Protein backbone atom coordinates (compact mmCIF):
# COMPACT_ATOMS: atom_id res chain seq x y z
CA UNK A 1 109.75 80.23 112.24
CA UNK A 2 113.52 80.61 111.97
CA UNK A 3 114.81 80.20 115.55
CA UNK A 4 118.37 79.52 114.45
CA UNK A 5 118.77 82.86 112.67
CA UNK A 6 120.37 85.63 114.71
CA UNK A 7 119.50 89.23 113.79
CA UNK A 8 120.84 92.44 115.29
CA UNK A 9 118.45 95.38 115.04
CA UNK A 10 119.62 98.98 114.98
CA UNK A 11 117.69 100.33 117.99
CA UNK A 12 117.52 104.12 117.90
CA UNK A 13 115.07 104.71 120.73
CA UNK A 14 112.35 105.53 118.21
CA UNK A 15 109.10 103.69 117.54
CA UNK A 16 110.09 102.27 114.13
CA UNK A 17 113.12 100.32 115.33
CA UNK A 18 111.24 99.20 118.46
CA UNK A 19 108.41 97.66 116.45
CA UNK A 20 110.96 96.15 114.05
CA UNK A 21 112.57 94.28 116.94
CA UNK A 22 109.16 93.17 118.23
CA UNK A 23 108.06 91.80 114.85
CA UNK A 24 111.29 89.89 114.32
CA UNK A 25 111.02 88.30 117.75
CA UNK A 26 107.44 87.29 117.01
CA UNK A 27 108.67 85.70 113.76
CA UNK A 28 111.05 83.48 115.72
CA UNK A 29 114.38 85.17 115.13
CA UNK A 30 117.00 85.39 117.86
CA UNK A 31 116.93 89.18 118.28
CA UNK A 32 119.48 91.56 119.77
CA UNK A 33 119.65 95.33 119.67
CA UNK A 34 122.48 97.73 118.88
CA UNK A 35 122.42 101.39 119.83
CA UNK A 36 124.81 103.56 117.84
CA UNK A 37 126.10 106.86 119.16
CA UNK A 38 127.37 108.85 116.21
CA UNK A 39 127.53 112.42 117.44
CA UNK A 40 128.99 113.83 120.64
CA UNK A 41 126.36 116.02 122.25
CA UNK A 42 128.91 118.65 123.26
CA UNK A 43 129.41 119.24 119.54
CA UNK A 44 125.76 120.16 119.04
CA UNK A 45 125.50 122.74 121.80
CA UNK A 46 122.31 124.70 121.38
CA UNK A 47 120.82 122.09 119.06
CA UNK A 48 118.50 119.16 119.54
CA UNK A 49 120.76 116.14 119.83
CA UNK A 50 119.01 113.70 122.17
CA UNK A 51 121.38 110.72 122.29
CA UNK A 52 121.11 110.31 126.10
CA UNK A 53 117.31 110.28 126.04
CA UNK A 54 117.28 107.97 123.02
CA UNK A 55 119.56 105.49 124.78
CA UNK A 56 117.21 105.37 127.78
CA UNK A 57 114.28 104.64 125.47
CA UNK A 58 116.31 101.96 123.66
CA UNK A 59 117.19 100.31 126.98
CA UNK A 60 113.54 100.38 128.05
CA UNK A 61 112.38 98.74 124.83
CA UNK A 62 115.03 96.02 124.95
CA UNK A 63 114.26 95.33 128.63
CA UNK A 64 110.57 94.97 127.77
CA UNK A 65 111.34 92.65 124.85
CA UNK A 66 113.88 90.76 126.97
CA UNK A 67 116.62 91.09 124.38
CA UNK A 68 120.25 92.17 124.91
CA UNK A 69 121.32 95.66 123.85
CA UNK A 70 124.81 96.35 122.54
CA UNK A 71 126.13 99.91 122.37
CA UNK A 72 128.83 101.29 120.10
CA UNK A 73 130.29 104.73 119.54
CA UNK A 74 130.84 105.53 115.87
CA UNK A 75 131.29 109.28 116.46
CA UNK A 76 134.78 109.52 115.00
CA UNK A 77 133.79 107.41 111.99
CA UNK A 78 130.68 109.54 111.48
CA UNK A 79 132.73 112.72 111.63
CA UNK A 80 135.35 111.51 109.15
CA UNK A 81 133.16 109.64 106.67
CA UNK A 82 129.88 111.57 106.82
CA UNK A 83 130.04 115.00 108.40
CA UNK A 84 133.46 116.03 107.05
CA UNK A 85 132.45 114.95 103.54
CA UNK A 86 129.21 116.92 103.85
CA UNK A 87 131.16 119.99 105.00
CA UNK A 88 133.41 119.70 101.94
CA UNK A 89 130.34 119.70 99.71
CA UNK A 90 128.88 122.73 101.47
CA UNK A 91 132.24 124.51 101.17
CA UNK A 92 132.10 123.96 97.40
CA UNK A 93 128.67 125.58 97.28
CA UNK A 94 126.72 122.34 96.84
CA UNK A 95 123.93 121.01 99.09
CA UNK A 96 124.69 117.42 100.17
CA UNK A 97 122.31 114.90 101.74
CA UNK A 98 123.94 113.66 104.99
CA UNK A 99 121.23 111.01 105.48
CA UNK A 100 122.31 109.18 102.32
CA UNK A 101 125.97 109.39 103.35
CA UNK A 102 125.05 108.14 106.82
CA UNK A 103 123.22 105.11 105.44
CA UNK A 104 126.13 104.26 103.16
CA UNK A 105 128.95 104.75 105.65
CA UNK A 106 127.40 104.01 109.06
CA UNK A 107 124.16 102.01 109.06
CA UNK A 108 124.96 99.73 106.13
CA UNK A 109 128.72 99.60 106.44
CA UNK A 110 130.03 100.17 109.98
CA UNK A 111 126.95 98.72 111.70
CA UNK A 112 126.67 95.97 109.10
CA UNK A 113 130.30 94.87 109.56
CA UNK A 114 130.14 95.19 113.35
CA UNK A 115 126.99 93.05 113.58
CA UNK A 116 128.37 90.34 111.30
CA UNK A 117 131.56 90.26 113.38
CA UNK A 118 129.33 89.61 116.41
CA UNK A 119 127.99 86.57 114.60
CA UNK A 120 124.72 87.95 113.26
CA UNK A 121 123.08 86.30 110.28
CA UNK A 122 121.23 89.51 109.46
CA UNK A 123 120.94 93.13 110.46
CA UNK A 124 117.59 94.93 110.58
CA UNK A 125 116.57 98.58 110.58
CA UNK A 126 113.34 100.53 110.96
CA UNK A 127 113.38 101.87 107.43
CA UNK A 128 110.18 102.00 105.40
CA UNK A 129 111.49 99.94 102.50
CA UNK A 130 111.21 96.40 101.18
CA UNK A 131 113.37 93.91 99.33
CA UNK A 132 112.48 91.23 96.82
CA UNK A 133 114.28 88.66 94.70
CA UNK A 134 114.51 88.58 90.94
CA UNK A 135 114.03 85.38 88.94
CA UNK A 136 117.81 85.01 89.08
CA UNK A 137 117.68 85.13 92.88
CA UNK A 138 119.27 88.58 93.16
CA UNK A 139 117.97 90.92 95.83
CA UNK A 140 116.50 94.25 94.77
CA UNK A 141 115.27 97.24 96.74
CA UNK A 142 111.57 98.11 96.67
CA UNK A 143 109.55 101.05 97.92
CA UNK A 144 107.92 100.76 101.32
CA UNK A 145 104.17 100.13 101.38
CA UNK A 146 103.39 103.51 102.98
CA UNK A 147 103.82 106.05 100.14
CA UNK A 148 104.09 108.91 102.62
CA UNK A 149 106.98 107.25 104.49
CA UNK A 150 108.83 105.26 101.79
CA UNK A 151 112.57 105.68 102.41
CA UNK A 152 114.03 103.87 99.41
CA UNK A 153 115.30 107.25 98.17
CA UNK A 154 117.81 107.29 101.05
CA UNK A 155 118.89 103.68 100.45
CA UNK A 156 119.89 103.75 96.78
CA UNK A 157 123.58 103.16 97.64
CA UNK A 158 122.88 99.65 98.95
CA UNK A 159 124.20 96.67 97.00
CA UNK A 160 122.47 93.38 96.32
CA UNK A 161 125.15 91.75 98.51
CA UNK A 162 124.17 93.88 101.50
CA UNK A 163 120.46 93.42 100.74
CA UNK A 164 121.04 89.68 101.13
CA UNK A 165 121.74 90.30 104.83
CA UNK A 166 119.33 93.16 105.61
CA UNK A 167 115.76 92.93 106.91
CA UNK A 168 113.17 95.73 106.85
CA UNK A 169 110.46 94.41 109.21
CA UNK A 170 108.09 97.41 108.97
CA UNK A 171 108.50 98.04 105.24
CA UNK A 172 105.10 96.52 104.54
CA UNK A 173 103.31 98.62 107.17
CA UNK A 174 101.93 102.15 107.31
CA UNK A 175 103.16 104.49 110.03
CA UNK A 176 99.74 104.44 111.70
CA UNK A 177 99.95 100.66 112.01
CA UNK A 178 103.42 100.88 113.51
CA UNK A 179 102.28 103.31 116.20
CA UNK A 180 99.19 101.21 116.93
CA UNK A 181 101.38 98.12 117.36
CA UNK A 182 103.71 100.02 119.68
CA UNK A 183 100.78 101.27 121.76
CA UNK A 184 99.23 97.80 122.08
CA UNK A 185 102.62 96.48 123.16
CA UNK A 186 102.94 99.14 125.85
CA UNK A 187 106.07 100.74 124.43
CA UNK A 188 106.88 104.02 126.15
CA UNK A 189 107.82 105.60 122.82
CA UNK A 190 104.61 104.83 120.91
CA UNK A 191 103.87 108.56 120.54
CA UNK A 192 107.49 109.69 120.26
CA UNK A 193 108.02 112.29 117.55
CA UNK A 194 109.85 111.11 114.44
CA UNK A 195 113.48 112.19 114.25
CA UNK A 196 114.11 115.04 111.84
CA UNK A 197 117.02 117.21 110.81
CA UNK A 198 120.55 115.99 110.13
CA UNK A 199 121.11 112.24 110.54
CA UNK A 200 122.14 111.52 114.18
CA UNK A 201 122.53 115.25 114.90
CA UNK A 202 118.90 116.32 114.91
CA UNK A 203 117.19 119.63 114.33
CA UNK A 204 119.56 122.56 113.99
CA UNK A 205 119.20 126.13 112.83
CA UNK A 206 121.00 125.56 109.56
CA UNK A 207 123.09 128.70 109.05
CA UNK A 208 124.23 129.19 112.67
CA UNK A 209 125.10 125.49 112.97
CA UNK A 210 127.00 125.32 109.70
CA UNK A 211 128.86 128.58 110.41
CA UNK A 212 130.51 126.88 113.40
CA UNK A 213 132.41 124.73 110.90
CA UNK A 214 132.67 126.88 107.76
CA UNK A 215 133.92 130.49 107.49
CA UNK A 216 131.63 133.34 106.51
CA UNK A 217 132.38 134.68 103.03
CA UNK A 218 130.01 137.61 102.52
CA UNK A 219 129.13 138.78 99.04
CA UNK A 220 126.38 140.47 97.13
CA UNK A 221 122.83 139.25 96.58
CA UNK A 222 121.87 140.21 93.05
CA UNK A 223 119.00 139.97 90.63
CA UNK A 224 119.55 138.06 87.35
CA UNK A 225 120.02 141.49 85.73
CA UNK A 226 122.90 142.30 88.09
CA UNK A 227 121.13 144.70 90.46
CA UNK A 228 122.59 144.41 93.99
CA UNK A 229 119.80 144.29 96.57
CA UNK A 230 121.46 142.88 99.70
CA UNK A 231 124.40 140.88 101.09
CA UNK A 232 124.76 137.14 101.77
CA UNK A 233 126.88 135.40 104.43
CA UNK A 234 128.55 132.91 102.10
CA UNK A 235 127.38 130.78 99.19
CA UNK A 236 127.76 127.64 101.34
CA UNK A 237 124.77 128.65 103.45
CA UNK A 238 122.17 128.80 100.68
CA UNK A 239 120.51 126.31 98.37
CA UNK A 240 118.67 126.54 95.06
CA UNK A 241 114.99 127.32 95.55
CA UNK A 242 115.50 128.70 99.07
CA UNK A 243 113.15 131.46 100.20
CA UNK A 244 113.51 131.67 103.99
CA UNK A 245 116.60 133.19 105.58
CA UNK A 246 117.58 135.49 102.72
CA UNK A 247 116.85 138.56 104.87
CA UNK A 248 115.86 140.66 101.90
CA UNK A 249 113.66 142.98 103.85
CA UNK A 250 112.65 146.58 103.53
CA UNK A 251 112.05 146.40 99.78
CA UNK A 252 109.27 148.53 98.37
CA UNK A 253 106.88 148.29 95.46
CA UNK A 254 107.56 145.49 93.00
CA UNK A 255 110.69 144.44 94.94
CA UNK A 256 108.61 143.56 98.02
CA UNK A 257 107.36 140.22 96.58
CA UNK A 258 109.06 136.98 97.83
CA UNK A 259 112.56 136.20 96.55
CA UNK A 260 114.06 132.78 95.78
CA UNK A 261 117.62 131.61 95.20
CA UNK A 262 117.97 130.76 91.51
CA UNK A 263 121.75 130.52 91.14
CA UNK A 264 125.26 131.03 92.51
CA UNK A 265 128.05 132.91 90.74
CA UNK A 266 131.23 131.51 92.29
CA UNK A 267 133.53 133.70 90.25
CA UNK A 268 132.07 136.87 91.74
CA UNK A 269 130.84 135.29 95.00
CA UNK A 270 127.32 136.45 94.20
CA UNK A 271 124.01 134.87 95.17
CA UNK A 272 121.44 135.23 92.39
CA UNK A 273 117.81 135.66 93.44
CA UNK A 274 114.58 136.22 91.56
CA UNK A 275 110.97 136.85 92.48
CA UNK A 276 108.23 134.28 92.18
CA UNK A 277 108.01 130.64 93.21
CA UNK A 278 107.60 129.65 89.55
CA UNK A 279 110.31 131.89 88.10
CA UNK A 280 111.67 130.37 84.83
CA UNK A 281 115.24 130.34 86.19
CA UNK A 282 114.13 127.81 88.82
CA UNK A 283 113.31 125.25 86.12
CA UNK A 284 115.59 122.99 84.10
CA UNK A 285 114.87 120.12 81.73
CA UNK A 286 118.10 118.20 82.21
CA UNK A 287 120.95 117.50 84.60
CA UNK A 288 124.18 115.56 84.84
CA UNK A 289 124.81 113.09 87.67
CA UNK A 290 128.07 111.54 88.89
CA UNK A 291 129.07 108.84 91.40
CA UNK A 292 126.47 106.52 89.90
CA UNK A 293 125.48 103.45 91.90
CA UNK A 294 123.26 100.70 90.50
CA UNK A 295 121.91 98.12 92.94
CA UNK A 296 121.66 95.32 90.38
CA UNK A 297 124.03 96.55 87.71
CA UNK A 298 123.79 99.46 85.30
CA UNK A 299 120.85 99.47 82.86
CA UNK A 300 122.73 102.00 80.73
CA UNK A 301 124.81 101.39 77.64
CA UNK A 302 126.83 103.89 75.57
CA UNK A 303 124.82 102.98 72.48
CA UNK A 304 121.32 103.75 73.74
CA UNK A 305 119.08 105.52 76.22
CA UNK A 306 117.13 104.17 79.14
CA UNK A 307 113.65 105.34 80.15
CA UNK A 308 112.56 105.32 83.80
CA UNK A 309 111.26 107.49 86.63
CA UNK A 310 113.43 109.65 88.88
CA UNK A 311 113.27 111.72 92.05
CA UNK A 312 115.50 114.73 92.66
CA UNK A 313 114.25 115.04 96.26
CA UNK A 314 112.80 112.72 98.88
CA UNK A 315 109.07 113.48 98.82
CA UNK A 316 108.80 114.12 95.11
CA UNK A 317 106.80 111.80 92.86
CA UNK A 318 108.85 110.05 90.20
CA UNK A 319 109.33 112.12 87.08
CA UNK A 320 109.53 110.52 83.61
CA UNK A 321 113.01 110.84 82.13
CA UNK A 322 115.55 109.43 79.69
CA UNK A 323 119.09 108.53 80.75
CA UNK A 324 122.24 108.48 78.65
CA UNK A 325 125.85 107.85 79.58
CA UNK A 326 128.05 110.84 78.78
CA UNK A 327 131.55 110.47 77.37
CA UNK A 328 133.08 110.95 80.85
CA UNK A 329 131.07 108.07 82.33
CA UNK A 330 128.58 110.30 84.04
CA UNK A 331 124.87 110.23 83.36
CA UNK A 332 122.82 112.83 81.48
CA UNK A 333 119.15 112.91 82.50
CA UNK A 334 116.54 114.53 80.26
CA UNK A 335 113.17 115.09 81.91
CA UNK A 336 109.83 114.90 80.15
CA UNK A 337 108.79 118.09 81.94
CA UNK A 338 111.09 120.79 83.43
CA UNK A 339 111.99 120.27 87.08
CA UNK A 340 112.01 122.95 89.76
CA UNK A 341 115.08 123.71 91.88
CA UNK A 342 117.49 121.04 90.66
CA UNK A 343 120.18 121.26 93.33
CA UNK A 344 123.86 120.31 92.89
CA UNK A 345 125.00 117.97 95.66
CA UNK A 346 121.61 116.38 96.14
CA UNK A 347 120.86 112.87 94.89
CA UNK A 348 118.80 111.77 91.93
CA UNK A 349 117.31 108.31 92.44
CA UNK A 350 115.94 106.13 89.64
CA UNK A 351 112.91 103.83 89.68
CA UNK A 352 111.03 101.36 87.55
CA UNK A 353 107.58 101.01 89.08
CA UNK A 354 108.23 100.17 92.76
CA UNK A 355 111.82 99.01 92.23
CA UNK A 356 114.67 101.35 93.19
CA UNK A 357 117.37 100.94 90.55
CA UNK A 358 120.05 103.19 92.04
CA UNK A 359 121.09 106.80 91.72
CA UNK A 360 123.84 109.38 91.71
CA UNK A 361 124.84 112.87 92.81
CA UNK A 362 123.53 115.85 90.87
CA UNK A 363 126.28 117.91 89.26
């Protein structure tokens, strides 16, 4: 029991953060909640932003647990440091991951600093992740125990300094156990659907939502051989490997089979598509990553290579690869087997067994 330790939990209104607060209170911590509003609902007209409903659920949970609830509006900070940066990436034809930006800039920076200024010894979140200490006493990030929910991929930008002050109370549980705990505790949100879509914005129809912020720049949709088969709305609105939303209809014969985005020609403003989910142009054996972040220091050296596992998307299993520093300080990754739909702007995250080493942005 650690009654003297004060922890502020990010309470979202969802079941994960609610159970996190419950567990910490049962462990003897002095627990408080913080609800963050990061998106003005008027900005998501027609979407699924549910901040008002989430706040009511957060208040209900904190009332039931008899803990105070702080509220803070980070909307301007979220716009400037997360959404605007994501828009810039989309405008350049890349596909960013706003959830990773949100964790770096909001949950583990703005929230972290705000909570410590309130006098907290720790912050806690409902992420499915764990932390452990090395023999040197340094904190490292580990995968959550539930392989279907592990969120370490989204947390690779954390530092060992921040990990020293962060608790992940449900990291050792499976989602089913979390919901069962919430139900036994009488939480009103024990069956609440998991949040999906853009971090703090929610589910949106991607192209219509994005087109409210980025101009349409129509161009041709072409085959790899240069045959024009349709027109796109702008390269910003498509991602490598995409099948849905291409609106390549009315094709006959061999052209009627499903089409996938395999490339973007920015010089000619052309979207390149090919048929077949396993088309060779969807596969690559290597990539280059920038903006590298290593939680416990870089394992790379200019003289040699480093072997580990890597994910190029959240739910992917780690893929065996070799890493080398390039002359410009970026990282070249060579995969043991070719990878499908490597997407510029997304993150590649590196692992050794269940330890998350860090990651970078795919170039």
